[in-house]
Amino acid sequence: MNLGWQIPAEAIYFIYSFQCHQLPQQSFYVFGPQAMYSLGQINAVSCAGTDAWLLRQFVGTAELGYEVAWSDRMVYAYGSLPLAAIVWRWLSRWLRPLP
């Protein structure tokens, strides 16, 4: 979206919409001044209110930045798996297996 590639960006948002709710107040933003925004800040630039279907359509603006296709919870959940694997691999050198 930041490069002006609206159609490919919308395709990415659509594909990930089956895996994540994509609510803008629970998502990270890139290319903007803040990483996350509150519902009040989002409603100041959009008229979505609290309707989840309208909120899902908001993907950001040039001033706020653009929403990452996954919510913060999905980023944490899927990001913690490789991190846990790295930590386990490092710790397994010193831990003895259970009998």
C-alpha atoms as a PDB file:
ATOM      1  CA  MET A   1       0.000   0.000   0.000  1.00  0.00           C
ATOM      2  CA  ASN A   2       2.805   2.401   0.839  1.00  0.00           C
ATOM      3  CA  LEU A   3       4.297   1.915  -2.650  1.00  0.00           C
ATOM      4  CA  GLY A   4       0.914   2.499  -4.276  1.00  0.00           C
ATOM      5  CA  TRP A   5       0.406  -1.163  -5.158  1.00  0.00           C
ATOM      6  CA  GLN A   6      -3.204  -1.263  -4.020  1.00  0.00           C
ATOM      7  CA  ILE A   7      -4.370  -4.389  -5.873  1.00  0.00           C
ATOM      8  CA  PRO A   8      -1.539  -6.674  -4.626  1.00  0.00           C
ATOM      9  CA  ALA A   9      -1.937  -5.245  -1.116  1.00  0.00           C
ATOM     10  CA  GLU A  10      -5.679  -5.897  -1.127  1.00  0.00           C
ATOM     11  CA  ALA A  11      -4.990  -9.451  -2.291  1.00  0.00           C
ATOM     12  CA  ILE A  12      -2.660  -9.980   0.675  1.00  0.00           C
ATOM     13  CA  TYR A  13      -5.235  -8.572   3.102  1.00  0.00           C
ATOM     14  CA  PHE A  14      -7.903 -10.811   1.554  1.00  0.00           C
ATOM     15  CA  ILE A  15      -5.800 -13.976   1.785  1.00  0.00           C
ATOM     16  CA  TYR A  16      -4.910 -13.341   5.426  1.00  0.00           C
ATOM     17  CA  SER A  17      -8.509 -12.419   6.318  1.00  0.00           C
ATOM     18  CA  PHE A  18      -9.287 -16.140   6.496  1.00  0.00           C
ATOM     19  CA  GLN A  19      -6.676 -16.577   9.241  1.00  0.00           C
ATOM     20  CA  CYS A  20      -7.071 -13.388  11.259  1.00  0.00           C
ATOM     21  CA  HIS A  21      -9.804 -10.921  12.214  1.00  0.00           C
ATOM     22  CA  GLN A  22      -7.600  -7.964  11.165  1.00  0.00           C
ATOM     23  CA  LEU A  23      -9.163  -5.461  13.554  1.00  0.00           C
ATOM     24  CA  PRO A  24      -7.173  -2.247  13.159  1.00  0.00           C
ATOM     25  CA  GLN A  25      -7.021  -1.420  16.876  1.00  0.00           C
ATOM     26  CA  GLN A  26      -5.297  -4.787  17.473  1.00  0.00           C
ATOM     27  CA  SER A  27      -2.804  -4.668  14.605  1.00  0.00           C
ATOM     28  CA  PHE A  28       0.653  -3.307  13.999  1.00  0.00           C
ATOM     29  CA  TYR A  29       1.220  -0.501  11.500  1.00  0.00           C
ATOM     30  CA  VAL A  30       4.223   0.112   9.271  1.00  0.00           C
ATOM     31  CA  PHE A  31       5.364   3.296   7.499  1.00  0.00           C
ATOM     32  CA  GLY A  32       3.682   5.564  10.064  1.00  0.00           C
ATOM     33  CA  PRO A  33       4.577   7.451  13.242  1.00  0.00           C
ATOM     34  CA  GLN A  34       3.207   4.773  15.620  1.00  0.00           C
ATOM     35  CA  ALA A  35       3.304   0.992  15.687  1.00  0.00           C
ATOM     36  CA  MET A  36      -0.250   0.667  17.065  1.00  0.00           C
ATOM     37  CA  TYR A  37      -3.345   2.867  17.384  1.00  0.00           C
ATOM     38  CA  SER A  38      -6.306   2.886  19.747  1.00  0.00           C
ATOM     39  CA  LEU A  39      -9.890   2.553  18.582  1.00  0.00           C
ATOM     40  CA  GLY A  40     -10.412   6.262  19.265  1.00  0.00           C
ATOM     41  CA  GLN A  41      -7.484   7.234  17.062  1.00  0.00           C
ATOM     42  CA  ILE A  42      -8.755   5.012  14.259  1.00  0.00           C
ATOM     43  CA  ASN A  43     -12.289   6.373  14.532  1.00  0.00           C
ATOM     44  CA  ALA A  44     -10.880   9.900  14.251  1.00  0.00           C
ATOM     45  CA  VAL A  45      -9.898   9.135  10.645  1.00  0.00           C
ATOM     46  CA  SER A  46     -12.608   6.592   9.756  1.00  0.00           C
ATOM     47  CA  CYS A  47     -16.294   6.328  10.585  1.00  0.00           C
ATOM     48  CA  ALA A  48     -16.277   2.641  11.485  1.00  0.00           C
ATOM     49  CA  GLY A  49     -17.363   3.070  15.095  1.00  0.00           C
ATOM     50  CA  THR A  50     -17.336  -0.307  16.836  1.00  0.00           C
ATOM     51  CA  ASP A  51     -18.753  -2.396  13.994  1.00  0.00           C
ATOM     52  CA  ALA A  52     -16.223  -5.187  13.416  1.00  0.00           C
ATOM     53  CA  TRP A  53     -17.096  -5.582   9.721  1.00  0.00           C
ATOM     54  CA  LEU A  54     -16.508  -1.879   9.054  1.00  0.00           C
ATOM     55  CA  LEU A  55     -13.347  -1.857  11.159  1.00  0.00           C
ATOM     56  CA  ARG A  56     -11.916  -4.763   9.156  1.00  0.00           C
ATOM     57  CA  GLN A  57     -12.132  -2.657   6.001  1.00  0.00           C
ATOM     58  CA  PHE A  58      -9.801   0.009   7.431  1.00  0.00           C
ATOM     59  CA  VAL A  59      -6.221  -0.845   6.439  1.00  0.00           C
ATOM     60  CA  GLY A  60      -4.578   2.478   7.217  1.00  0.00           C
ATOM     61  CA  THR A  61      -3.748   5.782   5.605  1.00  0.00           C
ATOM     62  CA  ALA A  62      -0.615   7.481   4.344  1.00  0.00           C
ATOM     63  CA  GLU A  63      -0.537   9.574   7.557  1.00  0.00           C
ATOM     64  CA  LEU A  64      -1.056   6.706  10.037  1.00  0.00           C
ATOM     65  CA  GLY A  65       0.777   4.019   8.120  1.00  0.00           C
ATOM     66  CA  TYR A  66      -0.605   0.743   6.870  1.00  0.00           C
ATOM     67  CA  GLU A  67      -1.885  -2.187   8.852  1.00  0.00           C
ATOM     68  CA  VAL A  68       0.037  -5.450   8.883  1.00  0.00           C
ATOM     69  CA  ALA A  69      -2.282  -8.203   7.595  1.00  0.00           C
ATOM     70  CA  TRP A  70      -2.062 -10.118  10.915  1.00  0.00           C
ATOM     71  CA  SER A  71      -3.217  -8.815  14.285  1.00  0.00           C
ATOM     72  CA  ASP A  72      -0.733  -8.353  17.108  1.00  0.00           C
ATOM     73  CA  ARG A  73      -1.870 -11.636  18.684  1.00  0.00           C
ATOM     74  CA  MET A  74      -1.146 -13.576  15.502  1.00  0.00           C
ATOM     75  CA  VAL A  75       2.303 -11.971  15.220  1.00  0.00           C
ATOM     76  CA  TYR A  76       3.043 -12.923  18.843  1.00  0.00           C
ATOM     77  CA  ALA A  77       1.645 -16.455  18.480  1.00  0.00           C
ATOM     78  CA  TYR A  78       3.449 -17.319  15.264  1.00  0.00           C
ATOM     79  CA  GLY A  79       6.567 -15.375  16.211  1.00  0.00           C
ATOM     80  CA  SER A  80       6.899 -17.141  19.554  1.00  0.00           C
ATOM     81  CA  LEU A  81       7.080 -20.601  17.973  1.00  0.00           C
ATOM     82  CA  PRO A  82      10.421 -20.109  16.170  1.00  0.00           C
ATOM     83  CA  LEU A  83      11.750 -18.177  19.155  1.00  0.00           C
ATOM     84  CA  ALA A  84      10.801 -21.028  21.523  1.00  0.00           C
ATOM     85  CA  ALA A  85      12.467 -23.521  19.169  1.00  0.00           C
ATOM     86  CA  ILE A  86      15.699 -21.507  19.219  1.00  0.00           C
ATOM     87  CA  VAL A  87      15.637 -21.205  23.012  1.00  0.00           C
ATOM     88  CA  TRP A  88      14.857 -24.933  23.392  1.00  0.00           C
ATOM     89  CA  ARG A  89      17.701 -25.861  21.075  1.00  0.00           C
ATOM     90  CA  TRP A  90      20.073 -23.728  23.135  1.00  0.00           C
ATOM     91  CA  LEU A  91      18.794 -25.026  26.504  1.00  0.00           C
ATOM     92  CA  SER A  92      18.686 -28.670  25.461  1.00  0.00           C
ATOM     93  CA  ARG A  93      22.475 -28.802  25.555  1.00  0.00           C
ATOM     94  CA  TRP A  94      22.435 -28.421  29.346  1.00  0.00           C
ATOM     95  CA  LEU A  95      19.220 -30.249  30.208  1.00  0.00           C
ATOM     96  CA  ARG A  96      19.236 -33.986  30.776  1.00  0.00           C
ATOM     97  CA  PRO A  97      16.404 -36.021  29.260  1.00  0.00           C
ATOM     98  CA  LEU A  98      13.765 -37.411  31.570  1.00  0.00           C
ATOM     99  CA  PRO A  99      14.198 -41.081  32.505  1.00  0.00           C
END
